[in-house]
Amino acid sequence: MPAFTHHVFVCGNVRAAGHKRGCCDPEGTQALRDAFKKELKKGGFGPLARANQAGCLEQCEHGPTVVIYPQGIWYGHVTVDDVPRIVTKTLIGGEILNDLLIADSCLNNPDCPHRRPEKKG
């Protein structure tokens, strides 16, 4: 079997409501992962692309977070409504969506200016 052309990891970390770092899947429903699976099927990828639920990807303040391999594209603040555009523009078209992109300089950087402000409490 050939290697995946795209492997989408969707953060499914669930934390208690009000956690200071936020939560990528507050309802614990895997809705974002399911939306990717549906769109990959519609896009005709067959067995060459896969969407998996992942544990914490450690980009909580950018969440919900998605990473696409082997390209190594990190997207943050992803919603179910973004999924068709990600599949069409990025996976099929090869375009990076700058409005969702987590810059390399922000990955694992607590001082990144683009992070959602931490909630106090």
PDB file of N, CA and C in Angstrom:
ATOM      1  N   MET A   1       0.842  -1.177   0.000  1.00  0.00           N
ATOM      2  CA  MET A   1       0.000   0.000   0.000  1.00  0.00           C
ATOM      3  C   MET A   1       0.891   1.245   0.000  1.00  0.00           C
ATOM      4  N   PRO A   2       0.592   2.231  -0.847  1.00  0.00           N
ATOM      5  CA  PRO A   2       1.406   3.449  -0.873  1.00  0.00           C
ATOM      6  C   PRO A   2       1.223   4.265   0.404  1.00  0.00           C
ATOM      7  N   ALA A   3       2.176   5.139   0.675  1.00  0.00           N
ATOM      8  CA  ALA A   3       2.109   6.019   1.845  1.00  0.00           C
ATOM      9  C   ALA A   3       0.947   6.992   1.697  1.00  0.00           C
ATOM     10  N   PHE A   4       0.471   7.476   2.834  1.00  0.00           N
ATOM     11  CA  PHE A   4      -0.579   8.492   2.805  1.00  0.00           C
ATOM     12  C   PHE A   4      -0.057   9.748   2.112  1.00  0.00           C
ATOM     13  N   THR A   5      -0.906  10.368   1.316  1.00  0.00           N
ATOM     14  CA  THR A   5      -0.570  11.677   0.768  1.00  0.00           C
ATOM     15  C   THR A   5      -0.818  12.754   1.816  1.00  0.00           C
ATOM     16  N   HIS A   6      -1.780  12.505   2.696  1.00  0.00           N
ATOM     17  CA  HIS A   6      -2.127  13.432   3.768  1.00  0.00           C
ATOM     18  C   HIS A   6      -2.611  12.635   4.965  1.00  0.00           C
ATOM     19  N   HIS A   7      -2.102  12.995   6.128  1.00  0.00           N
ATOM     20  CA  HIS A   7      -2.556  12.396   7.380  1.00  0.00           C
ATOM     21  C   HIS A   7      -2.892  13.566   8.293  1.00  0.00           C
ATOM     22  N   VAL A   8      -4.183  13.722   8.568  1.00  0.00           N
ATOM     23  CA  VAL A   8      -4.686  14.849   9.337  1.00  0.00           C
ATOM     24  C   VAL A   8      -4.906  14.396  10.780  1.00  0.00           C
ATOM     25  N   PHE A   9      -4.216  15.043  11.704  1.00  0.00           N
ATOM     26  CA  PHE A   9      -4.397  14.759  13.122  1.00  0.00           C
ATOM     27  C   PHE A   9      -5.191  15.909  13.731  1.00  0.00           C
ATOM     28  N   VAL A  10      -6.308  15.562  14.339  1.00  0.00           N
ATOM     29  CA  VAL A  10      -7.218  16.535  14.923  1.00  0.00           C
ATOM     30  C   VAL A  10      -7.136  16.402  16.440  1.00  0.00           C
ATOM     31  N   CYS A  11      -6.755  17.476  17.118  1.00  0.00           N
ATOM     32  CA  CYS A  11      -6.668  17.418  18.577  1.00  0.00           C
ATOM     33  C   CYS A  11      -8.049  17.150  19.155  1.00  0.00           C
ATOM     34  N   GLY A  12      -8.120  16.152  20.000  1.00  0.00           N
ATOM     35  CA  GLY A  12      -9.373  15.798  20.650  1.00  0.00           C
ATOM     36  C   GLY A  12      -9.294  15.936  22.154  1.00  0.00           C
ATOM     37  N   ASN A  13      -8.340  16.743  22.621  1.00  0.00           N
ATOM     38  CA  ASN A  13      -8.159  16.882  24.058  1.00  0.00           C
ATOM     39  C   ASN A  13      -9.382  17.543  24.684  1.00  0.00           C
ATOM     40  N   VAL A  14      -9.833  16.966  25.787  1.00  0.00           N
ATOM     41  CA  VAL A  14     -10.990  17.482  26.509  1.00  0.00           C
ATOM     42  C   VAL A  14     -10.522  17.881  27.906  1.00  0.00           C
ATOM     43  N   ARG A  15     -10.826  19.109  28.274  1.00  0.00           N
ATOM     44  CA  ARG A  15     -10.513  19.609  29.617  1.00  0.00           C
ATOM     45  C   ARG A  15     -11.789  20.132  30.252  1.00  0.00           C
ATOM     46  N   ALA A  16     -11.713  20.331  31.534  1.00  0.00           N
ATOM     47  CA  ALA A  16     -12.847  20.896  32.270  1.00  0.00           C
ATOM     48  C   ALA A  16     -13.159  22.297  31.748  1.00  0.00           C
ATOM     49  N   ALA A  17     -14.421  22.647  31.763  1.00  0.00           N
ATOM     50  CA  ALA A  17     -14.847  23.981  31.335  1.00  0.00           C
ATOM     51  C   ALA A  17     -14.093  25.038  32.126  1.00  0.00           C
ATOM     52  N   GLY A  18     -13.659  26.083  31.426  1.00  0.00           N
ATOM     53  CA  GLY A  18     -12.964  27.189  32.063  1.00  0.00           C
ATOM     54  C   GLY A  18     -11.480  26.984  32.289  1.00  0.00           C
ATOM     55  N   HIS A  19     -10.919  25.862  31.824  1.00  0.00           N
ATOM     56  CA  HIS A  19      -9.482  25.627  31.998  1.00  0.00           C
ATOM     57  C   HIS A  19      -8.704  26.762  31.345  1.00  0.00           C
ATOM     58  N   LYS A  20      -7.637  27.209  31.994  1.00  0.00           N
ATOM     59  CA  LYS A  20      -6.886  28.371  31.510  1.00  0.00           C
ATOM     60  C   LYS A  20      -6.266  28.181  30.134  1.00  0.00           C
ATOM     61  N   ARG A  21      -5.985  26.935  29.715  1.00  0.00           N
ATOM     62  CA  ARG A  21      -5.377  26.707  28.396  1.00  0.00           C
ATOM     63  C   ARG A  21      -6.413  26.451  27.313  1.00  0.00           C
ATOM     64  N   GLY A  22      -7.674  26.344  27.682  1.00  0.00           N
ATOM     65  CA  GLY A  22      -8.707  26.068  26.701  1.00  0.00           C
ATOM     66  C   GLY A  22      -8.832  24.580  26.437  1.00  0.00           C
ATOM     67  N   CYS A  23      -9.595  24.255  25.424  1.00  0.00           N
ATOM     68  CA  CYS A  23      -9.903  22.858  25.124  1.00  0.00           C
ATOM     69  C   CYS A  23     -10.226  22.737  23.640  1.00  0.00           C
ATOM     70  N   CYS A  24      -9.656  21.746  22.981  1.00  0.00           N
ATOM     71  CA  CYS A  24      -9.879  21.586  21.539  1.00  0.00           C
ATOM     72  C   CYS A  24     -11.201  20.890  21.196  1.00  0.00           C
ATOM     73  N   ASP A  25     -11.721  20.094  22.103  1.00  0.00           N
ATOM     74  CA  ASP A  25     -12.976  19.374  21.832  1.00  0.00           C
ATOM     75  C   ASP A  25     -13.853  19.413  23.089  1.00  0.00           C
ATOM     76  N   PRO A  26     -14.377  20.607  23.429  1.00  0.00           N
ATOM     77  CA  PRO A  26     -15.082  20.761  24.702  1.00  0.00           C
ATOM     78  C   PRO A  26     -16.275  19.823  24.888  1.00  0.00           C
ATOM     79  N   GLU A  27     -16.934  19.460  23.811  1.00  0.00           N
ATOM     80  CA  GLU A  27     -18.072  18.551  23.929  1.00  0.00           C
ATOM     81  C   GLU A  27     -17.655  17.080  23.887  1.00  0.00           C
ATOM     82  N   GLY A  28     -16.416  16.823  23.494  1.00  0.00           N
ATOM     83  CA  GLY A  28     -15.923  15.452  23.407  1.00  0.00           C
ATOM     84  C   GLY A  28     -16.627  14.621  22.349  1.00  0.00           C
ATOM     85  N   THR A  29     -17.069  15.265  21.264  1.00  0.00           N
ATOM     86  CA  THR A  29     -17.860  14.578  20.233  1.00  0.00           C
ATOM     87  C   THR A  29     -17.067  14.166  19.000  1.00  0.00           C
ATOM     88  N   GLN A  30     -15.841  14.624  18.877  1.00  0.00           N
ATOM     89  CA  GLN A  30     -15.008  14.360  17.703  1.00  0.00           C
ATOM     90  C   GLN A  30     -15.638  14.896  16.415  1.00  0.00           C
ATOM     91  N   ALA A  31     -16.429  15.956  16.538  1.00  0.00           N
ATOM     92  CA  ALA A  31     -17.127  16.530  15.380  1.00  0.00           C
ATOM     93  C   ALA A  31     -16.155  17.019  14.311  1.00  0.00           C
ATOM     94  N   LEU A  32     -15.054  17.607  14.733  1.00  0.00           N
ATOM     95  CA  LEU A  32     -14.071  18.114  13.770  1.00  0.00           C
ATOM     96  C   LEU A  32     -13.433  16.958  13.003  1.00  0.00           C
ATOM     97  N   ARG A  33     -13.038  15.922  13.698  1.00  0.00           N
ATOM     98  CA  ARG A  33     -12.464  14.747  13.035  1.00  0.00           C
ATOM     99  C   ARG A  33     -13.477  14.125  12.073  1.00  0.00           C
ATOM    100  N   ASP A  34     -14.722  14.009  12.510  1.00  0.00           N
ATOM    101  CA  ASP A  34     -15.765  13.439  11.654  1.00  0.00           C
ATOM    102  C   ASP A  34     -15.982  14.278  10.397  1.00  0.00           C
ATOM    103  N   ALA A  35     -15.907  15.599  10.542  1.00  0.00           N
ATOM    104  CA  ALA A  35     -16.055  16.479   9.376  1.00  0.00           C
ATOM    105  C   ALA A  35     -14.916  16.255   8.385  1.00  0.00           C
ATOM    106  N   PHE A  36     -13.700  16.068   8.886  1.00  0.00           N
ATOM    107  CA  PHE A  36     -12.571  15.777   7.993  1.00  0.00           C
ATOM    108  C   PHE A  36     -12.782  14.447   7.279  1.00  0.00           C
ATOM    109  N   LYS A  37     -13.216  13.435   7.993  1.00  0.00           N
ATOM    110  CA  LYS A  37     -13.442  12.126   7.360  1.00  0.00           C
ATOM    111  C   LYS A  37     -14.461  12.241   6.229  1.00  0.00           C
ATOM    112  N   LYS A  38     -15.527  12.978   6.480  1.00  0.00           N
ATOM    113  CA  LYS A  38     -16.570  13.170   5.471  1.00  0.00           C
ATOM    114  C   LYS A  38     -16.021  13.893   4.242  1.00  0.00           C
ATOM    115  N   GLU A  39     -15.265  14.966   4.469  1.00  0.00           N
ATOM    116  CA  GLU A  39     -14.727  15.748   3.353  1.00  0.00           C
ATOM    117  C   GLU A  39     -13.656  14.985   2.581  1.00  0.00           C
ATOM    118  N   LEU A  40     -12.853  14.188   3.269  1.00  0.00           N
ATOM    119  CA  LEU A  40     -11.855  13.372   2.568  1.00  0.00           C
ATOM    120  C   LEU A  40     -12.542  12.367   1.656  1.00  0.00           C
ATOM    121  N   LYS A  41     -13.622  11.808   2.134  1.00  0.00           N
ATOM    122  CA  LYS A  41     -14.387  10.859   1.307  1.00  0.00           C
ATOM    123  C   LYS A  41     -14.967  11.583   0.091  1.00  0.00           C
ATOM    124  N   LYS A  42     -15.568  12.759   0.320  1.00  0.00           N
ATOM    125  CA  LYS A  42     -16.117  13.546  -0.794  1.00  0.00           C
ATOM    126  C   LYS A  42     -15.028  13.933  -1.784  1.00  0.00           C
ATOM    127  N   GLY A  43     -13.815  14.171  -1.282  1.00  0.00           N
ATOM    128  CA  GLY A  43     -12.703  14.568  -2.141  1.00  0.00           C
ATOM    129  C   GLY A  43     -12.095  13.423  -2.925  1.00  0.00           C
ATOM    130  N   GLY A  44     -12.559  12.193  -2.667  1.00  0.00           N
ATOM    131  CA  GLY A  44     -12.100  11.034  -3.432  1.00  0.00           C
ATOM    132  C   GLY A  44     -10.704  10.557  -3.072  1.00  0.00           C
ATOM    133  N   PHE A  45     -10.255  10.812  -1.867  1.00  0.00           N
ATOM    134  CA  PHE A  45      -8.909  10.415  -1.471  1.00  0.00           C
ATOM    135  C   PHE A  45      -8.744   8.911  -1.282  1.00  0.00           C
ATOM    136  N   GLY A  46      -9.830   8.209  -1.000  1.00  0.00           N
ATOM    137  CA  GLY A  46      -9.716   6.769  -0.759  1.00  0.00           C
ATOM    138  C   GLY A  46      -8.751   6.487   0.382  1.00  0.00           C
ATOM    139  N   PRO A  47      -7.941   5.442   0.237  1.00  0.00           N
ATOM    140  CA  PRO A  47      -7.042   5.072   1.335  1.00  0.00           C
ATOM    141  C   PRO A  47      -5.766   5.921   1.416  1.00  0.00           C
ATOM    142  N   LEU A  48      -5.632   6.937   0.571  1.00  0.00           N
ATOM    143  CA  LEU A  48      -4.397   7.724   0.549  1.00  0.00           C
ATOM    144  C   LEU A  48      -4.388   8.899   1.523  1.00  0.00           C
ATOM    145  N   ALA A  49      -5.528   9.181   2.152  1.00  0.00           N
ATOM    146  CA  ALA A  49      -5.586  10.248   3.149  1.00  0.00           C
ATOM    147  C   ALA A  49      -6.409   9.756   4.325  1.00  0.00           C
ATOM    148  N   ARG A  50      -6.042  10.231   5.490  1.00  0.00           N
ATOM    149  CA  ARG A  50      -6.704   9.760   6.702  1.00  0.00           C
ATOM    150  C   ARG A  50      -6.816  10.903   7.698  1.00  0.00           C
ATOM    151  N   ALA A  51      -7.919  10.908   8.443  1.00  0.00           N
ATOM    152  CA  ALA A  51      -8.110  11.858   9.538  1.00  0.00           C
ATOM    153  C   ALA A  51      -8.226  11.058  10.820  1.00  0.00           C
ATOM    154  N   ASN A  52      -7.389  11.395  11.787  1.00  0.00           N
ATOM    155  CA  ASN A  52      -7.397  10.696  13.071  1.00  0.00           C
ATOM    156  C   ASN A  52      -7.574  11.682  14.216  1.00  0.00           C
ATOM    157  N   GLN A  53      -8.269  11.227  15.230  1.00  0.00           N
ATOM    158  CA  GLN A  53      -8.343  11.966  16.483  1.00  0.00           C
ATOM    159  C   GLN A  53      -7.014  11.780  17.200  1.00  0.00           C
ATOM    160  N   ALA A  54      -6.457  12.854  17.686  1.00  0.00           N
ATOM    161  CA  ALA A  54      -5.184  12.799  18.404  1.00  0.00           C
ATOM    162  C   ALA A  54      -5.414  13.227  19.847  1.00  0.00           C
ATOM    163  N   GLY A  55      -4.490  12.844  20.692  1.00  0.00           N
ATOM    164  CA  GLY A  55      -4.466  13.407  22.030  1.00  0.00           C
ATOM    165  C   GLY A  55      -3.982  14.842  21.937  1.00  0.00           C
ATOM    166  N   CYS A  56      -3.639  15.420  23.047  1.00  0.00           N
ATOM    167  CA  CYS A  56      -3.212  16.810  23.081  1.00  0.00           C
ATOM    168  C   CYS A  56      -2.004  17.029  22.166  1.00  0.00           C
ATOM    169  N   LEU A  57      -2.104  18.036  21.313  1.00  0.00           N
ATOM    170  CA  LEU A  57      -1.013  18.409  20.411  1.00  0.00           C
ATOM    171  C   LEU A  57      -0.181  19.554  20.985  1.00  0.00           C
ATOM    172  N   GLU A  58      -0.459  19.946  22.225  1.00  0.00           N
ATOM    173  CA  GLU A  58       0.292  20.977  22.961  1.00  0.00           C
ATOM    174  C   GLU A  58       0.269  22.352  22.306  1.00  0.00           C
ATOM    175  N   GLN A  59      -0.786  22.643  21.585  1.00  0.00           N
ATOM    176  CA  GLN A  59      -0.969  23.976  21.005  1.00  0.00           C
ATOM    177  C   GLN A  59      -2.321  24.513  21.474  1.00  0.00           C
ATOM    178  N   CYS A  60      -2.624  24.256  22.738  1.00  0.00           N
ATOM    179  CA  CYS A  60      -3.959  24.473  23.306  1.00  0.00           C
ATOM    180  C   CYS A  60      -4.496  25.887  23.087  1.00  0.00           C
ATOM    181  N   GLU A  61      -3.655  26.889  23.279  1.00  0.00           N
ATOM    182  CA  GLU A  61      -4.123  28.255  23.143  1.00  0.00           C
ATOM    183  C   GLU A  61      -4.449  28.631  21.698  1.00  0.00           C
ATOM    184  N   HIS A  62      -4.054  27.797  20.770  1.00  0.00           N
ATOM    185  CA  HIS A  62      -4.390  27.985  19.352  1.00  0.00           C
ATOM    186  C   HIS A  62      -5.583  27.113  18.951  1.00  0.00           C
ATOM    187  N   GLY A  63      -6.139  26.385  19.884  1.00  0.00           N
ATOM    188  CA  GLY A  63      -7.110  25.348  19.578  1.00  0.00           C
ATOM    189  C   GLY A  63      -8.478  25.845  19.163  1.00  0.00           C
ATOM    190  N   PRO A  64      -9.224  24.958  18.557  1.00  0.00           N
ATOM    191  CA  PRO A  64      -8.909  23.603  18.132  1.00  0.00           C
ATOM    192  C   PRO A  64      -7.786  23.572  17.081  1.00  0.00           C
ATOM    193  N   THR A  65      -6.913  22.599  17.262  1.00  0.00           N
ATOM    194  CA  THR A  65      -5.704  22.490  16.463  1.00  0.00           C
ATOM    195  C   THR A  65      -5.731  21.256  15.567  1.00  0.00           C
ATOM    196  N   VAL A  66      -5.180  21.425  14.356  1.00  0.00           N
ATOM    197  CA  VAL A  66      -5.071  20.352  13.370  1.00  0.00           C
ATOM    198  C   VAL A  66      -3.660  20.403  12.800  1.00  0.00           C
ATOM    199  N   VAL A  67      -3.043  19.239  12.596  1.00  0.00           N
ATOM    200  CA  VAL A  67      -1.752  19.192  11.916  1.00  0.00           C
ATOM    201  C   VAL A  67      -1.865  18.202  10.762  1.00  0.00           C
ATOM    202  N   ILE A  68      -1.318  18.592   9.624  1.00  0.00           N
ATOM    203  CA  ILE A  68      -1.393  17.780   8.403  1.00  0.00           C
ATOM    204  C   ILE A  68       0.010  17.310   8.054  1.00  0.00           C
ATOM    205  N   TYR A  69       0.173  16.002   8.003  1.00  0.00           N
ATOM    206  CA  TYR A  69       1.448  15.401   7.614  1.00  0.00           C
ATOM    207  C   TYR A  69       1.285  14.667   6.304  1.00  0.00           C
ATOM    208  N   PRO A  70       2.324  14.505   5.502  1.00  0.00           N
ATOM    209  CA  PRO A  70       3.730  14.767   5.799  1.00  0.00           C
ATOM    210  C   PRO A  70       4.145  16.226   5.606  1.00  0.00           C
ATOM    211  N   GLN A  71       3.214  17.084   5.233  1.00  0.00           N
ATOM    212  CA  GLN A  71       3.561  18.477   4.938  1.00  0.00           C
ATOM    213  C   GLN A  71       3.949  19.266   6.191  1.00  0.00           C
ATOM    214  N   GLY A  72       3.464  18.855   7.353  1.00  0.00           N
ATOM    215  CA  GLY A  72       3.782  19.564   8.587  1.00  0.00           C
ATOM    216  C   GLY A  72       3.088  20.908   8.703  1.00  0.00           C
ATOM    217  N   ILE A  73       1.859  20.983   8.239  1.00  0.00           N
ATOM    218  CA  ILE A  73       1.081  22.223   8.287  1.00  0.00           C
ATOM    219  C   ILE A  73       0.242  22.214   9.563  1.00  0.00           C
ATOM    220  N   TRP A  74       0.413  23.240  10.376  1.00  0.00           N
ATOM    221  CA  TRP A  74      -0.334  23.380  11.628  1.00  0.00           C
ATOM    222  C   TRP A  74      -1.384  24.466  11.464  1.00  0.00           C
ATOM    223  N   TYR A  75      -2.643  24.118  11.726  1.00  0.00           N
ATOM    224  CA  TYR A  75      -3.732  25.086  11.694  1.00  0.00           C
ATOM    225  C   TYR A  75      -4.340  25.208  13.081  1.00  0.00           C
ATOM    226  N   GLY A  76      -4.713  26.434  13.430  1.00  0.00           N
ATOM    227  CA  GLY A  76      -5.320  26.687  14.727  1.00  0.00           C
ATOM    228  C   GLY A  76      -6.653  27.389  14.601  1.00  0.00           C
ATOM    229  N   HIS A  77      -7.425  27.322  15.679  1.00  0.00           N
ATOM    230  CA  HIS A  77      -8.766  27.917  15.741  1.00  0.00           C
ATOM    231  C   HIS A  77      -9.648  27.351  14.627  1.00  0.00           C
ATOM    232  N   VAL A  78      -9.484  26.070  14.330  1.00  0.00           N
ATOM    233  CA  VAL A  78     -10.210  25.408  13.250  1.00  0.00           C
ATOM    234  C   VAL A  78     -11.627  25.079  13.710  1.00  0.00           C
ATOM    235  N   THR A  79     -12.592  25.349  12.834  1.00  0.00           N
ATOM    236  CA  THR A  79     -13.984  25.004  13.092  1.00  0.00           C
ATOM    237  C   THR A  79     -14.455  23.994  12.050  1.00  0.00           C
ATOM    238  N   VAL A  80     -15.584  23.382  12.318  1.00  0.00           N
ATOM    239  CA  VAL A  80     -16.180  22.450  11.351  1.00  0.00           C
ATOM    240  C   VAL A  80     -16.414  23.164  10.017  1.00  0.00           C
ATOM    241  N   ASP A  81     -16.775  24.440  10.067  1.00  0.00           N
ATOM    242  CA  ASP A  81     -17.010  25.201   8.834  1.00  0.00           C
ATOM    243  C   ASP A  81     -15.742  25.394   8.010  1.00  0.00           C
ATOM    244  N   ASP A  82     -14.572  25.311   8.639  1.00  0.00           N
ATOM    245  CA  ASP A  82     -13.297  25.461   7.922  1.00  0.00           C
ATOM    246  C   ASP A  82     -12.894  24.198   7.158  1.00  0.00           C
ATOM    247  N   VAL A  83     -13.431  23.063   7.540  1.00  0.00           N
ATOM    248  CA  VAL A  83     -12.965  21.775   7.014  1.00  0.00           C
ATOM    249  C   VAL A  83     -13.085  21.659   5.502  1.00  0.00           C
ATOM    250  N   PRO A  84     -14.225  21.969   4.874  1.00  0.00           N
ATOM    251  CA  PRO A  84     -14.275  21.855   3.408  1.00  0.00           C
ATOM    252  C   PRO A  84     -13.212  22.699   2.712  1.00  0.00           C
ATOM    253  N   ARG A  85     -12.960  23.881   3.235  1.00  0.00           N
ATOM    254  CA  ARG A  85     -11.946  24.770   2.652  1.00  0.00           C
ATOM    255  C   ARG A  85     -10.553  24.201   2.837  1.00  0.00           C
ATOM    256  N   ILE A  86     -10.271  23.608   3.994  1.00  0.00           N
ATOM    257  CA  ILE A  86      -8.964  22.998   4.231  1.00  0.00           C
ATOM    258  C   ILE A  86      -8.740  21.845   3.255  1.00  0.00           C
ATOM    259  N   VAL A  87      -9.740  21.017   3.085  1.00  0.00           N
ATOM    260  CA  VAL A  87      -9.596  19.870   2.178  1.00  0.00           C
ATOM    261  C   VAL A  87      -9.438  20.351   0.737  1.00  0.00           C
ATOM    262  N   THR A  88     -10.292  21.269   0.309  1.00  0.00           N
ATOM    263  CA  THR A  88     -10.248  21.752  -1.074  1.00  0.00           C
ATOM    264  C   THR A  88      -8.984  22.563  -1.366  1.00  0.00           C
ATOM    265  N   LYS A  89      -8.714  23.531  -0.519  1.00  0.00           N
ATOM    266  CA  LYS A  89      -7.609  24.454  -0.793  1.00  0.00           C
ATOM    267  C   LYS A  89      -6.246  23.863  -0.429  1.00  0.00           C
ATOM    268  N   THR A  90      -6.136  23.230   0.736  1.00  0.00           N
ATOM    269  CA  THR A  90      -4.825  22.757   1.186  1.00  0.00           C
ATOM    270  C   THR A  90      -4.526  21.355   0.688  1.00  0.00           C
ATOM    271  N   LEU A  91      -5.397  20.401   0.977  1.00  0.00           N
ATOM    272  CA  LEU A  91      -5.097  19.017   0.631  1.00  0.00           C
ATOM    273  C   LEU A  91      -5.155  18.776  -0.872  1.00  0.00           C
ATOM    274  N   ILE A  92      -6.136  19.360  -1.537  1.00  0.00           N
ATOM    275  CA  ILE A  92      -6.251  19.177  -2.994  1.00  0.00           C
ATOM    276  C   ILE A  92      -5.417  20.218  -3.742  1.00  0.00           C
ATOM    277  N   GLY A  93      -5.531  21.490  -3.333  1.00  0.00           N
ATOM    278  CA  GLY A  93      -4.890  22.579  -4.071  1.00  0.00           C
ATOM    279  C   GLY A  93      -3.478  22.935  -3.639  1.00  0.00           C
ATOM    280  N   GLY A  94      -3.043  22.439  -2.477  1.00  0.00           N
ATOM    281  CA  GLY A  94      -1.694  22.738  -2.006  1.00  0.00           C
ATOM    282  C   GLY A  94      -1.504  24.140  -1.452  1.00  0.00           C
ATOM    283  N   GLU A  95      -2.600  24.847  -1.216  1.00  0.00           N
ATOM    284  CA  GLU A  95      -2.532  26.222  -0.726  1.00  0.00           C
ATOM    285  C   GLU A  95      -2.520  26.252   0.807  1.00  0.00           C
ATOM    286  N   ILE A  96      -1.667  27.079   1.367  1.00  0.00           N
ATOM    287  CA  ILE A  96      -1.625  27.290   2.807  1.00  0.00           C
ATOM    288  C   ILE A  96      -2.655  28.370   3.150  1.00  0.00           C
ATOM    289  N   LEU A  97      -3.481  28.106   4.139  1.00  0.00           N
ATOM    290  CA  LEU A  97      -4.501  29.063   4.561  1.00  0.00           C
ATOM    291  C   LEU A  97      -3.927  29.915   5.692  1.00  0.00           C
ATOM    292  N   ASN A  98      -3.462  31.099   5.333  1.00  0.00           N
ATOM    293  CA  ASN A  98      -2.764  31.945   6.288  1.00  0.00           C
ATOM    294  C   ASN A  98      -3.629  32.371   7.469  1.00  0.00           C
ATOM    295  N   ASP A  99      -4.949  32.432   7.283  1.00  0.00           N
ATOM    296  CA  ASP A  99      -5.809  32.831   8.396  1.00  0.00           C
ATOM    297  C   ASP A  99      -5.905  31.753   9.468  1.00  0.00           C
ATOM    298  N   LEU A 100      -5.534  30.511   9.143  1.00  0.00           N
ATOM    299  CA  LEU A 100      -5.570  29.402  10.097  1.00  0.00           C
ATOM    300  C   LEU A 100      -4.170  28.939  10.507  1.00  0.00           C
ATOM    301  N   LEU A 101      -3.176  29.297   9.734  1.00  0.00           N
ATOM    302  CA  LEU A 101      -1.818  28.797   9.935  1.00  0.00           C
ATOM    303  C   LEU A 101      -1.234  29.218  11.281  1.00  0.00           C
ATOM    304  N   ILE A 102      -0.678  28.252  11.993  1.00  0.00           N
ATOM    305  CA  ILE A 102       0.115  28.551  13.181  1.00  0.00           C
ATOM    306  C   ILE A 102       1.554  28.630  12.685  1.00  0.00           C
ATOM    307  N   ALA A 103       2.128  29.807  12.760  1.00  0.00           N
ATOM    308  CA  ALA A 103       3.495  30.017  12.264  1.00  0.00           C
ATOM    309  C   ALA A 103       4.475  29.167  13.047  1.00  0.00           C
ATOM    310  N   ASP A 104       5.539  28.734  12.386  1.00  0.00           N
ATOM    311  CA  ASP A 104       6.578  27.947  13.056  1.00  0.00           C
ATOM    312  C   ASP A 104       7.080  28.643  14.313  1.00  0.00           C
ATOM    313  N   SER A 105       7.181  29.970  14.257  1.00  0.00           N
ATOM    314  CA  SER A 105       7.684  30.714  15.412  1.00  0.00           C
ATOM    315  C   SER A 105       6.714  30.691  16.596  1.00  0.00           C
ATOM    316  N   CYS A 106       5.486  30.292  16.359  1.00  0.00           N
ATOM    317  CA  CYS A 106       4.488  30.229  17.433  1.00  0.00           C
ATOM    318  C   CYS A 106       4.325  28.828  18.011  1.00  0.00           C
ATOM    319  N   LEU A 107       4.751  27.814  17.293  1.00  0.00           N
ATOM    320  CA  LEU A 107       4.601  26.443  17.798  1.00  0.00           C
ATOM    321  C   LEU A 107       5.394  26.287  19.091  1.00  0.00           C
ATOM    322  N   ASN A 108       4.730  25.799  20.102  1.00  0.00           N
ATOM    323  CA  ASN A 108       5.353  25.552  21.407  1.00  0.00           C
ATOM    324  C   ASN A 108       5.974  26.808  22.017  1.00  0.00           C
ATOM    325  N   ASN A 109       5.453  27.968  21.669  1.00  0.00           N
ATOM    326  CA  ASN A 109       5.991  29.231  22.164  1.00  0.00           C
ATOM    327  C   ASN A 109       4.926  29.932  23.015  1.00  0.00           C
ATOM    328  N   PRO A 110       5.104  29.930  24.336  1.00  0.00           N
ATOM    329  CA  PRO A 110       4.095  30.565  25.197  1.00  0.00           C
ATOM    330  C   PRO A 110       4.008  32.077  25.017  1.00  0.00           C
ATOM    331  N   ASP A 111       4.986  32.671  24.367  1.00  0.00           N
ATOM    332  CA  ASP A 111       4.962  34.123  24.150  1.00  0.00           C
ATOM    333  C   ASP A 111       4.452  34.517  22.765  1.00  0.00           C
ATOM    334  N   CYS A 112       3.938  33.563  22.007  1.00  0.00           N
ATOM    335  CA  CYS A 112       3.422  33.866  20.671  1.00  0.00           C
ATOM    336  C   CYS A 112       2.299  34.906  20.774  1.00  0.00           C
ATOM    337  N   PRO A 113       2.387  35.986  20.024  1.00  0.00           N
ATOM    338  CA  PRO A 113       1.370  37.040  20.110  1.00  0.00           C
ATOM    339  C   PRO A 113       0.025  36.641  19.495  1.00  0.00           C
ATOM    340  N   HIS A 114      -0.016  35.535  18.755  1.00  0.00           N
ATOM    341  CA  HIS A 114      -1.253  35.126  18.094  1.00  0.00           C
ATOM    342  C   HIS A 114      -2.107  34.200  18.932  1.00  0.00           C
ATOM    343  N   ARG A 115      -1.600  33.781  20.068  1.00  0.00           N
ATOM    344  CA  ARG A 115      -2.337  32.848  20.908  1.00  0.00           C
ATOM    345  C   ARG A 115      -3.590  33.494  21.470  1.00  0.00           C
ATOM    346  N   ARG A 116      -4.607  32.676  21.597  1.00  0.00           N
ATOM    347  CA  ARG A 116      -5.825  33.132  22.261  1.00  0.00           C
ATOM    348  C   ARG A 116      -5.434  33.464  23.695  1.00  0.00           C
ATOM    349  N   PRO A 117      -5.875  34.596  24.212  1.00  0.00           N
ATOM    350  CA  PRO A 117      -5.495  34.945  25.594  1.00  0.00           C
ATOM    351  C   PRO A 117      -5.963  33.879  26.575  1.00  0.00           C
ATOM    352  N   GLU A 118      -5.087  33.574  27.527  1.00  0.00           N
ATOM    353  CA  GLU A 118      -5.458  32.594  28.542  1.00  0.00           C
ATOM    354  C   GLU A 118      -6.557  33.175  29.416  1.00  0.00           C
ATOM    355  N   LYS A 119      -7.479  32.304  29.786  1.00  0.00           N
ATOM    356  CA  LYS A 119      -8.567  32.713  30.671  1.00  0.00           C
ATOM    357  C   LYS A 119      -8.051  32.755  32.094  1.00  0.00           C
ATOM    358  N   LYS A 120      -8.449  33.740  32.817  1.00  0.00           N
ATOM    359  CA  LYS A 120      -8.063  33.863  34.224  1.00  0.00           C
ATOM    360  C   LYS A 120      -9.055  33.083  35.071  1.00  0.00           C
ATOM    361  N   GLY A 121      -8.539  32.459  36.123  1.00  0.00           N
ATOM    362  CA  GLY A 121      -9.487  31.782  36.998  1.00  0.00           C
ATOM    363  C   GLY A 121      -9.067  30.509  37.459  1.00  0.00           C
TER     364      GLY A 121
END
